[in-house]
Amino acid sequence: MAARTISRCFVVSTRSYSSKADKNVAFLGLGNMGGYMAANLVKKGFNVRGYDPSKDALSAAAKNGVSGATSIAAAVDGADVVVSILPSNKVVLDAYLGQDGVVKHVPKGSLLIDSSTVDPNVPKQIFPVATESGVAFIDAPVSGGVMGAQNATLAFMVGGNKDDFDRSLPMLQAMGAKHFHCGGSGAGQVAKLSNNMLMGITGMATAECMNMGIKMGLDPKVLLDVLNNSSARSWSTEVYCPVPGLVPTAPSSRDYDGGFKNELMVKDLELASSMALGIRSPIPLGAVATQLYRIVQSRGYGQKDFSFIYQLLKEEATKK
């Protein structure tokens, strides 16, 4: 029998928040996710200085105890740890490797934690430059959405050296409930993109089948109860039901606001598709999901939660 190589992620569930060595945190990106994450660090006793190009984001963060900085260089001056959550490959690379970026201005010995969702090659570019400059770097994308950021229940998927992961735990535990070391640099991104492609597929499938059953005359509450107590049960049925009014905490019950934006789902699916193409891994369902979420975005609903796809399917079903 041929030998098999098995890759494992390990979950860490300890809940200690104190760190004598790392108390000064620079936080880059204070938007829907980052604002709450930075606020939770403040709640756990960290000194947080934040930077965001948006003055509104800086003002909102200041109300939660985050001091503001006028640039990345100013934010990371004297920092023990840098945490970032930024929107794209280019923004992350510029923030870390640019002339005014983190690596050139952060003190030696600092720990850099990037929680953005990007191509796995991005952390692989940053890691050796950071290491050569005398600072540690891990990629630590998150799952859990805005509610998870607000409630400090995020799941972190981390790529990088195990010692750096261990050092990051006080910060990660202040912002989240689960923390996985998934392997070397870039492994966190691989785990995150795999997770989000499955989330997109199951979300699409849940919307499709809920729409079909309701159109056939089933009571939506009865149908959801059946699904949640049968073999089709999933996170998309239990927590994130796409049909409004059935799960009060789901974005669908808030006019699809305050969740994981459809445009971000498209971005993540495109990143996952590119990753799959590079290794020739077949993703037929992922490809279909990507196209359907693109249609939602093309119709002007990119800012709505990705579960808005239910409304697209419902609309198509009513056409004669």
C-alpha atoms as a PDB file:
ATOM      1  CA  MET A   1       0.000   0.000   0.000  1.00  0.00           C
ATOM      2  CA  ALA A   2       1.336   3.450  -0.918  1.00  0.00           C
ATOM      3  CA  ALA A   3       2.180   5.734   1.957  1.00  0.00           C
ATOM      4  CA  ARG A   4      -0.191   8.609   2.522  1.00  0.00           C
ATOM      5  CA  THR A   5       0.633  12.073   3.773  1.00  0.00           C
ATOM      6  CA  ILE A   6      -1.959  13.324   6.230  1.00  0.00           C
ATOM      7  CA  SER A   7      -2.328  16.985   7.173  1.00  0.00           C
ATOM      8  CA  ARG A   8      -4.000  17.814  10.490  1.00  0.00           C
ATOM      9  CA  CYS A   9      -5.340  20.912  12.141  1.00  0.00           C
ATOM     10  CA  PHE A  10      -5.218  21.046  15.927  1.00  0.00           C
ATOM     11  CA  VAL A  11      -7.755  22.939  18.010  1.00  0.00           C
ATOM     12  CA  VAL A  12      -6.667  24.799  21.123  1.00  0.00           C
ATOM     13  CA  SER A  13      -9.361  25.546  23.685  1.00  0.00           C
ATOM     14  CA  THR A  14      -7.467  27.114  26.588  1.00  0.00           C
ATOM     15  CA  ARG A  15      -8.883  30.428  27.798  1.00  0.00           C
ATOM     16  CA  SER A  16      -6.079  32.503  29.279  1.00  0.00           C
ATOM     17  CA  TYR A  17      -5.862  36.152  28.372  1.00  0.00           C
ATOM     18  CA  SER A  18      -2.826  37.490  30.181  1.00  0.00           C
ATOM     19  CA  SER A  19       0.506  38.179  28.533  1.00  0.00           C
ATOM     20  CA  LYS A  20       3.245  40.119  30.271  1.00  0.00           C
ATOM     21  CA  ALA A  21       5.409  40.324  27.164  1.00  0.00           C
ATOM     22  CA  ASP A  22       2.824  41.414  24.606  1.00  0.00           C
ATOM     23  CA  LYS A  23       0.570  44.248  25.741  1.00  0.00           C
ATOM     24  CA  ASN A  24       0.907  46.894  23.016  1.00  0.00           C
ATOM     25  CA  VAL A  25      -1.092  45.986  19.925  1.00  0.00           C
ATOM     26  CA  ALA A  26      -1.290  47.841  16.617  1.00  0.00           C
ATOM     27  CA  PHE A  27      -4.520  47.051  14.758  1.00  0.00           C
ATOM     28  CA  LEU A  28      -4.795  47.692  11.007  1.00  0.00           C
ATOM     29  CA  GLY A  29      -8.279  47.691   9.488  1.00  0.00           C
ATOM     30  CA  LEU A  30     -11.122  48.859  11.725  1.00  0.00           C
ATOM     31  CA  GLY A  31     -14.110  48.006   9.561  1.00  0.00           C
ATOM     32  CA  ASN A  32     -17.095  45.746  10.309  1.00  0.00           C
ATOM     33  CA  MET A  33     -14.865  42.951  11.607  1.00  0.00           C
ATOM     34  CA  GLY A  34     -11.737  44.758  12.752  1.00  0.00           C
ATOM     35  CA  GLY A  35     -13.563  47.358  14.814  1.00  0.00           C
ATOM     36  CA  TYR A  36     -15.104  44.701  17.047  1.00  0.00           C
ATOM     37  CA  MET A  37     -11.905  42.634  17.186  1.00  0.00           C
ATOM     38  CA  ALA A  38      -9.873  45.642  18.318  1.00  0.00           C
ATOM     39  CA  ALA A  39     -12.531  46.534  20.910  1.00  0.00           C
ATOM     40  CA  ASN A  40     -12.366  43.017  22.353  1.00  0.00           C
ATOM     41  CA  LEU A  41      -8.591  43.309  22.713  1.00  0.00           C
ATOM     42  CA  VAL A  42      -9.119  46.502  24.700  1.00  0.00           C
ATOM     43  CA  LYS A  43     -11.656  44.712  26.914  1.00  0.00           C
ATOM     44  CA  LYS A  44      -9.056  42.087  27.744  1.00  0.00           C
ATOM     45  CA  GLY A  45      -6.502  44.646  28.870  1.00  0.00           C
ATOM     46  CA  PHE A  46      -4.393  45.215  25.760  1.00  0.00           C
ATOM     47  CA  ASN A  47      -3.272  48.703  24.753  1.00  0.00           C
ATOM     48  CA  VAL A  48      -4.537  49.068  21.193  1.00  0.00           C
ATOM     49  CA  ARG A  49      -3.541  51.706  18.652  1.00  0.00           C
ATOM     50  CA  GLY A  50      -5.449  51.444  15.385  1.00  0.00           C
ATOM     51  CA  TYR A  51      -5.160  52.644  11.820  1.00  0.00           C
ATOM     52  CA  ASP A  52      -7.761  52.759   9.081  1.00  0.00           C
ATOM     53  CA  PRO A  53      -8.008  55.102   6.076  1.00  0.00           C
ATOM     54  CA  SER A  54     -11.633  55.772   7.071  1.00  0.00           C
ATOM     55  CA  LYS A  55     -12.028  58.598   9.600  1.00  0.00           C
ATOM     56  CA  ASP A  56     -15.461  57.214  10.539  1.00  0.00           C
ATOM     57  CA  ALA A  57     -13.899  53.841  11.385  1.00  0.00           C
ATOM     58  CA  LEU A  58     -11.248  55.534  13.533  1.00  0.00           C
ATOM     59  CA  SER A  59     -13.903  57.561  15.349  1.00  0.00           C
ATOM     60  CA  ALA A  60     -16.024  54.485  16.027  1.00  0.00           C
ATOM     61  CA  ALA A  61     -12.985  52.570  17.320  1.00  0.00           C
ATOM     62  CA  ALA A  62     -12.020  55.459  19.605  1.00  0.00           C
ATOM     63  CA  LYS A  63     -15.351  55.093  21.414  1.00  0.00           C
ATOM     64  CA  ASN A  64     -14.261  51.559  22.329  1.00  0.00           C
ATOM     65  CA  GLY A  65     -10.886  52.601  23.722  1.00  0.00           C
ATOM     66  CA  VAL A  66      -8.764  52.221  20.571  1.00  0.00           C
ATOM     67  CA  SER A  67      -6.351  55.135  20.138  1.00  0.00           C
ATOM     68  CA  GLY A  68      -5.991  56.344  16.569  1.00  0.00           C
ATOM     69  CA  ALA A  69      -2.918  56.641  14.335  1.00  0.00           C
ATOM     70  CA  THR A  70      -2.436  58.649  11.147  1.00  0.00           C
ATOM     71  CA  SER A  71      -0.477  55.971   9.270  1.00  0.00           C
ATOM     72  CA  ILE A  72       0.612  52.351   9.393  1.00  0.00           C
ATOM     73  CA  ALA A  73       4.099  53.421  10.463  1.00  0.00           C
ATOM     74  CA  ALA A  74       2.683  55.458  13.347  1.00  0.00           C
ATOM     75  CA  ALA A  75       0.375  52.628  14.391  1.00  0.00           C
ATOM     76  CA  VAL A  76       3.133  50.011  14.625  1.00  0.00           C
ATOM     77  CA  ASP A  77       5.667  52.255  16.368  1.00  0.00           C
ATOM     78  CA  GLY A  78       6.516  50.509  19.649  1.00  0.00           C
ATOM     79  CA  ALA A  79       4.061  47.659  19.067  1.00  0.00           C
ATOM     80  CA  ASP A  80       4.657  44.204  20.511  1.00  0.00           C
ATOM     81  CA  VAL A  81       2.052  42.726  18.191  1.00  0.00           C
ATOM     82  CA  VAL A  82       0.415  43.827  14.935  1.00  0.00           C
ATOM     83  CA  VAL A  83      -3.028  42.467  14.012  1.00  0.00           C
ATOM     84  CA  SER A  84      -4.570  43.212  10.625  1.00  0.00           C
ATOM     85  CA  ILE A  85      -7.746  42.391   8.749  1.00  0.00           C
ATOM     86  CA  LEU A  86      -7.666  43.955   5.285  1.00  0.00           C
ATOM     87  CA  PRO A  87      -9.714  43.584   2.094  1.00  0.00           C
ATOM     88  CA  SER A  88      -7.448  42.216  -0.670  1.00  0.00           C
ATOM     89  CA  ASN A  89      -4.148  40.649  -1.721  1.00  0.00           C
ATOM     90  CA  LYS A  90      -2.717  43.976  -2.862  1.00  0.00           C
ATOM     91  CA  VAL A  91      -3.741  45.882   0.260  1.00  0.00           C
ATOM     92  CA  VAL A  92      -2.179  43.238   2.506  1.00  0.00           C
ATOM     93  CA  LEU A  93       1.080  43.133   0.535  1.00  0.00           C
ATOM     94  CA  ASP A  94       1.321  46.926   0.482  1.00  0.00           C
ATOM     95  CA  ALA A  95       0.530  47.163   4.199  1.00  0.00           C
ATOM     96  CA  TYR A  96       3.253  44.702   5.156  1.00  0.00           C
ATOM     97  CA  LEU A  97       5.942  45.082   2.495  1.00  0.00           C
ATOM     98  CA  GLY A  98       5.489  48.675   1.272  1.00  0.00           C
ATOM     99  CA  GLN A  99       7.916  51.500   2.008  1.00  0.00           C
ATOM    100  CA  ASP A 100       5.596  52.805   4.720  1.00  0.00           C
ATOM    101  CA  GLY A 101       4.546  49.296   5.714  1.00  0.00           C
ATOM    102  CA  VAL A 102       4.708  47.140   8.799  1.00  0.00           C
ATOM    103  CA  VAL A 103       7.944  45.226   8.212  1.00  0.00           C
ATOM    104  CA  LYS A 104      10.023  48.366   7.694  1.00  0.00           C
ATOM    105  CA  HIS A 105       8.690  50.158  10.783  1.00  0.00           C
ATOM    106  CA  VAL A 106       7.740  47.598  13.426  1.00  0.00           C
ATOM    107  CA  PRO A 107      10.250  46.905  16.248  1.00  0.00           C
ATOM    108  CA  LYS A 108      12.377  43.788  15.926  1.00  0.00           C
ATOM    109  CA  GLY A 109      10.985  40.863  17.867  1.00  0.00           C
ATOM    110  CA  SER A 110       7.367  41.830  17.197  1.00  0.00           C
ATOM    111  CA  LEU A 111       4.684  39.333  16.206  1.00  0.00           C
ATOM    112  CA  LEU A 112       2.609  40.038  13.087  1.00  0.00           C
ATOM    113  CA  ILE A 113      -0.851  38.438  12.795  1.00  0.00           C
ATOM    114  CA  ASP A 114      -2.739  38.877   9.524  1.00  0.00           C
ATOM    115  CA  SER A 115      -6.409  37.854   9.732  1.00  0.00           C
ATOM    116  CA  SER A 116      -7.287  38.913   6.192  1.00  0.00           C
ATOM    117  CA  THR A 117      -8.592  36.328   3.729  1.00  0.00           C
ATOM    118  CA  VAL A 118      -6.177  36.276   0.797  1.00  0.00           C
ATOM    119  CA  ASP A 119      -4.429  33.972  -1.647  1.00  0.00           C
ATOM    120  CA  PRO A 120      -2.154  31.517   0.244  1.00  0.00           C
ATOM    121  CA  ASN A 121       0.784  32.878  -1.763  1.00  0.00           C
ATOM    122  CA  VAL A 122       0.418  36.264  -0.014  1.00  0.00           C
ATOM    123  CA  PRO A 123       1.551  35.069   3.445  1.00  0.00           C
ATOM    124  CA  LYS A 124       4.201  32.963   1.739  1.00  0.00           C
ATOM    125  CA  GLN A 125       5.612  36.197   0.279  1.00  0.00           C
ATOM    126  CA  ILE A 126       5.477  38.089   3.566  1.00  0.00           C
ATOM    127  CA  PHE A 127       6.814  35.334   5.848  1.00  0.00           C
ATOM    128  CA  PRO A 128      10.436  35.183   4.613  1.00  0.00           C
ATOM    129  CA  VAL A 129      10.762  38.978   4.432  1.00  0.00           C
ATOM    130  CA  ALA A 130       9.438  39.320   7.969  1.00  0.00           C
ATOM    131  CA  THR A 131      11.698  36.556   9.244  1.00  0.00           C
ATOM    132  CA  GLU A 132      14.772  38.131   7.628  1.00  0.00           C
ATOM    133  CA  SER A 133      13.827  41.450   9.273  1.00  0.00           C
ATOM    134  CA  GLY A 134      13.704  39.881  12.733  1.00  0.00           C
ATOM    135  CA  VAL A 135       9.945  39.731  13.219  1.00  0.00           C
ATOM    136  CA  ALA A 136       7.511  36.802  13.362  1.00  0.00           C
ATOM    137  CA  PHE A 137       4.560  36.457  10.980  1.00  0.00           C
ATOM    138  CA  ILE A 138       1.497  34.201  10.943  1.00  0.00           C
ATOM    139  CA  ASP A 139      -1.552  34.134   8.701  1.00  0.00           C
ATOM    140  CA  ALA A 140      -4.680  33.802  10.850  1.00  0.00           C
ATOM    141  CA  PRO A 141      -7.891  34.226   8.816  1.00  0.00           C
ATOM    142  CA  VAL A 142     -11.152  34.006  10.730  1.00  0.00           C
ATOM    143  CA  SER A 143     -14.571  32.425  10.463  1.00  0.00           C
ATOM    144  CA  GLY A 144     -17.678  33.583  12.306  1.00  0.00           C
ATOM    145  CA  GLY A 145     -18.639  36.812  10.584  1.00  0.00           C
ATOM    146  CA  VAL A 146     -19.555  40.124  12.141  1.00  0.00           C
ATOM    147  CA  MET A 147     -21.519  38.496  14.981  1.00  0.00           C
ATOM    148  CA  GLY A 148     -18.524  36.331  15.823  1.00  0.00           C
ATOM    149  CA  ALA A 149     -16.267  39.393  15.847  1.00  0.00           C
ATOM    150  CA  GLN A 150     -18.699  41.285  18.070  1.00  0.00           C
ATOM    151  CA  ASN A 151     -19.134  38.421  20.537  1.00  0.00           C
ATOM    152  CA  ALA A 152     -15.485  37.263  20.495  1.00  0.00           C
ATOM    153  CA  THR A 153     -16.518  33.829  19.214  1.00  0.00           C
ATOM    154  CA  LEU A 154     -14.426  33.781  16.034  1.00  0.00           C
ATOM    155  CA  ALA A 155     -12.513  30.718  14.876  1.00  0.00           C
ATOM    156  CA  PHE A 156      -8.908  31.413  13.840  1.00  0.00           C
ATOM    157  CA  MET A 157      -7.140  29.196  11.295  1.00  0.00           C
ATOM    158  CA  VAL A 158      -3.409  29.798  11.622  1.00  0.00           C
ATOM    159  CA  GLY A 159      -0.450  29.139   9.354  1.00  0.00           C
ATOM    160  CA  GLY A 160       3.138  29.666  10.491  1.00  0.00           C
ATOM    161  CA  ASN A 161       5.613  28.455  13.089  1.00  0.00           C
ATOM    162  CA  LYS A 162       4.117  26.641  16.073  1.00  0.00           C
ATOM    163  CA  ASP A 163       6.050  28.822  18.539  1.00  0.00           C
ATOM    164  CA  ASP A 164       4.578  31.949  16.951  1.00  0.00           C
ATOM    165  CA  PHE A 165       1.104  30.407  17.099  1.00  0.00           C
ATOM    166  CA  ASP A 166       1.592  29.711  20.806  1.00  0.00           C
ATOM    167  CA  ARG A 167       2.713  33.295  21.359  1.00  0.00           C
ATOM    168  CA  SER A 168      -0.367  34.603  19.524  1.00  0.00           C
ATOM    169  CA  LEU A 169      -2.852  32.758  21.734  1.00  0.00           C
ATOM    170  CA  PRO A 170      -3.497  35.536  24.295  1.00  0.00           C
ATOM    171  CA  MET A 171      -4.530  37.855  21.453  1.00  0.00           C
ATOM    172  CA  LEU A 172      -6.502  35.226  19.549  1.00  0.00           C
ATOM    173  CA  GLN A 173      -8.300  34.126  22.706  1.00  0.00           C
ATOM    174  CA  ALA A 174      -9.320  37.714  23.394  1.00  0.00           C
ATOM    175  CA  MET A 175     -10.977  37.863  19.963  1.00  0.00           C
ATOM    176  CA  GLY A 176     -12.236  34.327  19.411  1.00  0.00           C
ATOM    177  CA  ALA A 177     -13.345  31.014  20.866  1.00  0.00           C
ATOM    178  CA  LYS A 178     -11.420  28.498  18.729  1.00  0.00           C
ATOM    179  CA  HIS A 179      -7.855  28.569  17.471  1.00  0.00           C
ATOM    180  CA  PHE A 180      -6.359  26.050  15.040  1.00  0.00           C
ATOM    181  CA  HIS A 181      -2.724  25.646  14.049  1.00  0.00           C
ATOM    182  CA  CYS A 182      -3.029  24.271  10.534  1.00  0.00           C
ATOM    183  CA  GLY A 183       0.610  24.041   9.438  1.00  0.00           C
ATOM    184  CA  GLY A 184       3.245  26.248   7.843  1.00  0.00           C
ATOM    185  CA  SER A 185       2.876  29.689   6.312  1.00  0.00           C
ATOM    186  CA  GLY A 186      -0.234  29.903   4.108  1.00  0.00           C
ATOM    187  CA  ALA A 187      -1.930  26.876   5.688  1.00  0.00           C
ATOM    188  CA  GLY A 188      -4.416  29.090   7.516  1.00  0.00           C
ATOM    189  CA  GLN A 189      -5.547  30.555   4.203  1.00  0.00           C
ATOM    190  CA  VAL A 190      -5.951  27.108   2.659  1.00  0.00           C
ATOM    191  CA  ALA A 191      -8.181  26.056   5.571  1.00  0.00           C
ATOM    192  CA  LYS A 192     -10.209  29.290   5.402  1.00  0.00           C
ATOM    193  CA  LEU A 193     -10.815  29.118   1.640  1.00  0.00           C
ATOM    194  CA  SER A 194     -11.807  25.444   1.875  1.00  0.00           C
ATOM    195  CA  ASN A 195     -14.238  26.317   4.663  1.00  0.00           C
ATOM    196  CA  ASN A 196     -15.768  29.245   2.816  1.00  0.00           C
ATOM    197  CA  MET A 197     -16.234  27.343  -0.426  1.00  0.00           C
ATOM    198  CA  LEU A 198     -18.163  24.674   1.496  1.00  0.00           C
ATOM    199  CA  MET A 199     -20.125  27.393   3.314  1.00  0.00           C
ATOM    200  CA  GLY A 200     -21.065  28.938  -0.030  1.00  0.00           C
ATOM    201  CA  ILE A 201     -22.100  25.587  -1.488  1.00  0.00           C
ATOM    202  CA  THR A 202     -24.212  24.532   1.505  1.00  0.00           C
ATOM    203  CA  GLY A 203     -25.760  28.000   1.707  1.00  0.00           C
ATOM    204  CA  MET A 204     -26.739  27.818  -1.945  1.00  0.00           C
ATOM    205  CA  ALA A 205     -28.103  24.273  -1.554  1.00  0.00           C
ATOM    206  CA  THR A 206     -30.128  25.219   1.541  1.00  0.00           C
ATOM    207  CA  ALA A 207     -31.680  28.191  -0.255  1.00  0.00           C
ATOM    208  CA  GLU A 208     -32.478  26.042  -3.279  1.00  0.00           C
ATOM    209  CA  CYS A 209     -34.181  23.260  -1.340  1.00  0.00           C
ATOM    210  CA  MET A 210     -36.020  25.539   1.078  1.00  0.00           C
ATOM    211  CA  ASN A 211     -37.378  27.469  -1.890  1.00  0.00           C
ATOM    212  CA  MET A 212     -38.484  24.252  -3.600  1.00  0.00           C
ATOM    213  CA  GLY A 213     -40.270  22.876  -0.530  1.00  0.00           C
ATOM    214  CA  ILE A 214     -42.018  26.168   0.242  1.00  0.00           C
ATOM    215  CA  LYS A 215     -43.117  26.555  -3.373  1.00  0.00           C
ATOM    216  CA  MET A 216     -44.621  23.064  -3.138  1.00  0.00           C
ATOM    217  CA  GLY A 217     -46.770  24.235  -0.206  1.00  0.00           C
ATOM    218  CA  LEU A 218     -44.817  23.187   2.876  1.00  0.00           C
ATOM    219  CA  ASP A 219     -44.942  25.412   5.943  1.00  0.00           C
ATOM    220  CA  PRO A 220     -41.449  27.000   6.111  1.00  0.00           C
ATOM    221  CA  LYS A 221     -41.183  26.355   9.878  1.00  0.00           C
ATOM    222  CA  VAL A 222     -42.116  22.693   9.455  1.00  0.00           C
ATOM    223  CA  LEU A 223     -39.651  22.260   6.596  1.00  0.00           C
ATOM    224  CA  LEU A 224     -36.818  23.822   8.576  1.00  0.00           C
ATOM    225  CA  ASP A 225     -37.646  21.636  11.585  1.00  0.00           C
ATOM    226  CA  VAL A 226     -37.478  18.557   9.351  1.00  0.00           C
ATOM    227  CA  LEU A 227     -34.113  19.581   7.907  1.00  0.00           C
ATOM    228  CA  ASN A 228     -32.639  20.345  11.325  1.00  0.00           C
ATOM    229  CA  ASN A 229     -33.650  16.921  12.614  1.00  0.00           C
ATOM    230  CA  SER A 230     -32.663  14.923   9.558  1.00  0.00           C
ATOM    231  CA  SER A 231     -29.586  14.090   7.505  1.00  0.00           C
ATOM    232  CA  ALA A 232     -29.608  17.493   5.750  1.00  0.00           C
ATOM    233  CA  ARG A 233     -28.873  19.387   8.976  1.00  0.00           C
ATOM    234  CA  SER A 234     -26.039  21.927   8.602  1.00  0.00           C
ATOM    235  CA  TRP A 235     -24.811  25.308   9.825  1.00  0.00           C
ATOM    236  CA  SER A 236     -26.854  26.854   7.009  1.00  0.00           C
ATOM    237  CA  THR A 237     -30.081  25.347   8.354  1.00  0.00           C
ATOM    238  CA  GLU A 238     -29.425  25.663  12.098  1.00  0.00           C
ATOM    239  CA  VAL A 239     -27.724  29.054  12.349  1.00  0.00           C
ATOM    240  CA  TYR A 240     -27.900  30.816   8.996  1.00  0.00           C
ATOM    241  CA  CYS A 241     -31.264  29.908   7.515  1.00  0.00           C
ATOM    242  CA  PRO A 242     -31.746  31.978   4.316  1.00  0.00           C
ATOM    243  CA  VAL A 243     -35.532  32.253   4.735  1.00  0.00           C
ATOM    244  CA  PRO A 244     -36.523  35.398   6.676  1.00  0.00           C
ATOM    245  CA  GLY A 245     -38.196  35.050  10.067  1.00  0.00           C
ATOM    246  CA  LEU A 246     -37.265  31.457  10.866  1.00  0.00           C
ATOM    247  CA  VAL A 247     -34.004  32.042  12.754  1.00  0.00           C
ATOM    248  CA  PRO A 248     -34.197  35.469  14.459  1.00  0.00           C
ATOM    249  CA  THR A 249     -30.418  35.898  14.708  1.00  0.00           C
ATOM    250  CA  ALA A 250     -29.751  35.060  11.036  1.00  0.00           C
ATOM    251  CA  PRO A 251     -29.051  37.952   8.638  1.00  0.00           C
ATOM    252  CA  SER A 252     -32.084  36.907   6.572  1.00  0.00           C
ATOM    253  CA  SER A 253     -34.275  38.039   9.483  1.00  0.00           C
ATOM    254  CA  ARG A 254     -32.590  41.480   9.403  1.00  0.00           C
ATOM    255  CA  ASP A 255     -33.219  42.180   5.716  1.00  0.00           C
ATOM    256  CA  TYR A 256     -29.946  40.348   4.972  1.00  0.00           C
ATOM    257  CA  ASP A 257     -27.884  43.080   6.665  1.00  0.00           C
ATOM    258  CA  GLY A 258     -25.047  42.745   9.186  1.00  0.00           C
ATOM    259  CA  GLY A 259     -23.760  39.407   7.955  1.00  0.00           C
ATOM    260  CA  PHE A 260     -21.136  38.162   5.482  1.00  0.00           C
ATOM    261  CA  LYS A 261     -21.539  40.316   2.407  1.00  0.00           C
ATOM    262  CA  ASN A 262     -22.238  38.620  -0.892  1.00  0.00           C
ATOM    263  CA  GLU A 263     -19.351  40.514  -2.493  1.00  0.00           C
ATOM    264  CA  LEU A 264     -16.986  38.981   0.074  1.00  0.00           C
ATOM    265  CA  MET A 265     -18.345  35.510  -0.647  1.00  0.00           C
ATOM    266  CA  VAL A 266     -17.632  36.106  -4.342  1.00  0.00           C
ATOM    267  CA  LYS A 267     -14.094  37.222  -3.489  1.00  0.00           C
ATOM    268  CA  ASP A 268     -13.434  34.152  -1.341  1.00  0.00           C
ATOM    269  CA  LEU A 269     -14.907  31.758  -3.888  1.00  0.00           C
ATOM    270  CA  GLU A 270     -12.745  33.284  -6.602  1.00  0.00           C
ATOM    271  CA  LEU A 271      -9.665  32.895  -4.401  1.00  0.00           C
ATOM    272  CA  ALA A 272     -10.604  29.278  -3.664  1.00  0.00           C
ATOM    273  CA  SER A 273     -11.245  28.617  -7.361  1.00  0.00           C
ATOM    274  CA  SER A 274      -7.827  30.014  -8.256  1.00  0.00           C
ATOM    275  CA  MET A 275      -6.220  27.835  -5.594  1.00  0.00           C
ATOM    276  CA  ALA A 276      -8.024  24.750  -6.922  1.00  0.00           C
ATOM    277  CA  LEU A 277      -7.010  25.553 -10.503  1.00  0.00           C
ATOM    278  CA  GLY A 278      -3.371  25.766  -9.469  1.00  0.00           C
ATOM    279  CA  ILE A 279      -3.426  22.181  -8.172  1.00  0.00           C
ATOM    280  CA  ARG A 280      -5.965  20.867 -10.723  1.00  0.00           C
ATOM    281  CA  SER A 281      -8.478  19.962  -8.003  1.00  0.00           C
ATOM    282  CA  PRO A 282     -11.999  19.539  -9.473  1.00  0.00           C
ATOM    283  CA  ILE A 283     -14.590  21.909  -7.949  1.00  0.00           C
ATOM    284  CA  PRO A 284     -17.807  21.476  -9.998  1.00  0.00           C
ATOM    285  CA  LEU A 285     -20.098  22.581  -7.152  1.00  0.00           C
ATOM    286  CA  GLY A 286     -17.763  25.393  -6.193  1.00  0.00           C
ATOM    287  CA  ALA A 287     -17.819  26.666  -9.775  1.00  0.00           C
ATOM    288  CA  VAL A 288     -21.644  26.699  -9.862  1.00  0.00           C
ATOM    289  CA  ALA A 289     -21.812  28.472  -6.496  1.00  0.00           C
ATOM    290  CA  THR A 290     -19.332  31.098  -7.651  1.00  0.00           C
ATOM    291  CA  GLN A 291     -21.441  31.905 -10.698  1.00  0.00           C
ATOM    292  CA  LEU A 292     -24.704  32.152  -8.734  1.00  0.00           C
ATOM    293  CA  TYR A 293     -23.237  34.521  -6.137  1.00  0.00           C
ATOM    294  CA  ARG A 294     -21.784  36.574  -8.996  1.00  0.00           C
ATOM    295  CA  ILE A 295     -25.299  36.896 -10.418  1.00  0.00           C
ATOM    296  CA  VAL A 296     -26.553  38.181  -7.050  1.00  0.00           C
ATOM    297  CA  GLN A 297     -23.772  40.757  -7.078  1.00  0.00           C
ATOM    298  CA  SER A 298     -24.413  41.781 -10.691  1.00  0.00           C
ATOM    299  CA  ARG A 299     -28.010  42.575  -9.770  1.00  0.00           C
ATOM    300  CA  GLY A 300     -26.886  45.096  -7.186  1.00  0.00           C
ATOM    301  CA  TYR A 301     -27.043  43.031  -3.979  1.00  0.00           C
ATOM    302  CA  GLY A 302     -23.335  42.706  -3.257  1.00  0.00           C
ATOM    303  CA  GLN A 303     -23.696  44.494   0.092  1.00  0.00           C
ATOM    304  CA  LYS A 304     -26.371  42.070   1.291  1.00  0.00           C
ATOM    305  CA  ASP A 305     -25.525  38.883   3.158  1.00  0.00           C
ATOM    306  CA  PHE A 306     -24.683  35.979   0.862  1.00  0.00           C
ATOM    307  CA  SER A 307     -27.836  34.123   1.989  1.00  0.00           C
ATOM    308  CA  PHE A 308     -29.721  36.682  -0.135  1.00  0.00           C
ATOM    309  CA  ILE A 309     -29.288  34.069  -2.851  1.00  0.00           C
ATOM    310  CA  TYR A 310     -32.593  32.660  -1.547  1.00  0.00           C
ATOM    311  CA  GLN A 311     -34.359  35.772  -2.793  1.00  0.00           C
ATOM    312  CA  LEU A 312     -32.771  35.349  -6.231  1.00  0.00           C
ATOM    313  CA  LEU A 313     -34.013  31.754  -6.460  1.00  0.00           C
ATOM    314  CA  LYS A 314     -37.420  32.723  -5.115  1.00  0.00           C
ATOM    315  CA  GLU A 315     -37.705  35.455  -7.738  1.00  0.00           C
ATOM    316  CA  GLU A 316     -36.765  33.050 -10.521  1.00  0.00           C
ATOM    317  CA  ALA A 317     -39.316  30.525  -9.272  1.00  0.00           C
ATOM    318  CA  THR A 318     -42.187  33.039  -9.484  1.00  0.00           C
ATOM    319  CA  LYS A 319     -41.484  34.004 -13.085  1.00  0.00           C
ATOM    320  CA  LYS A 320     -43.879  32.618 -15.649  1.00  0.00           C
END
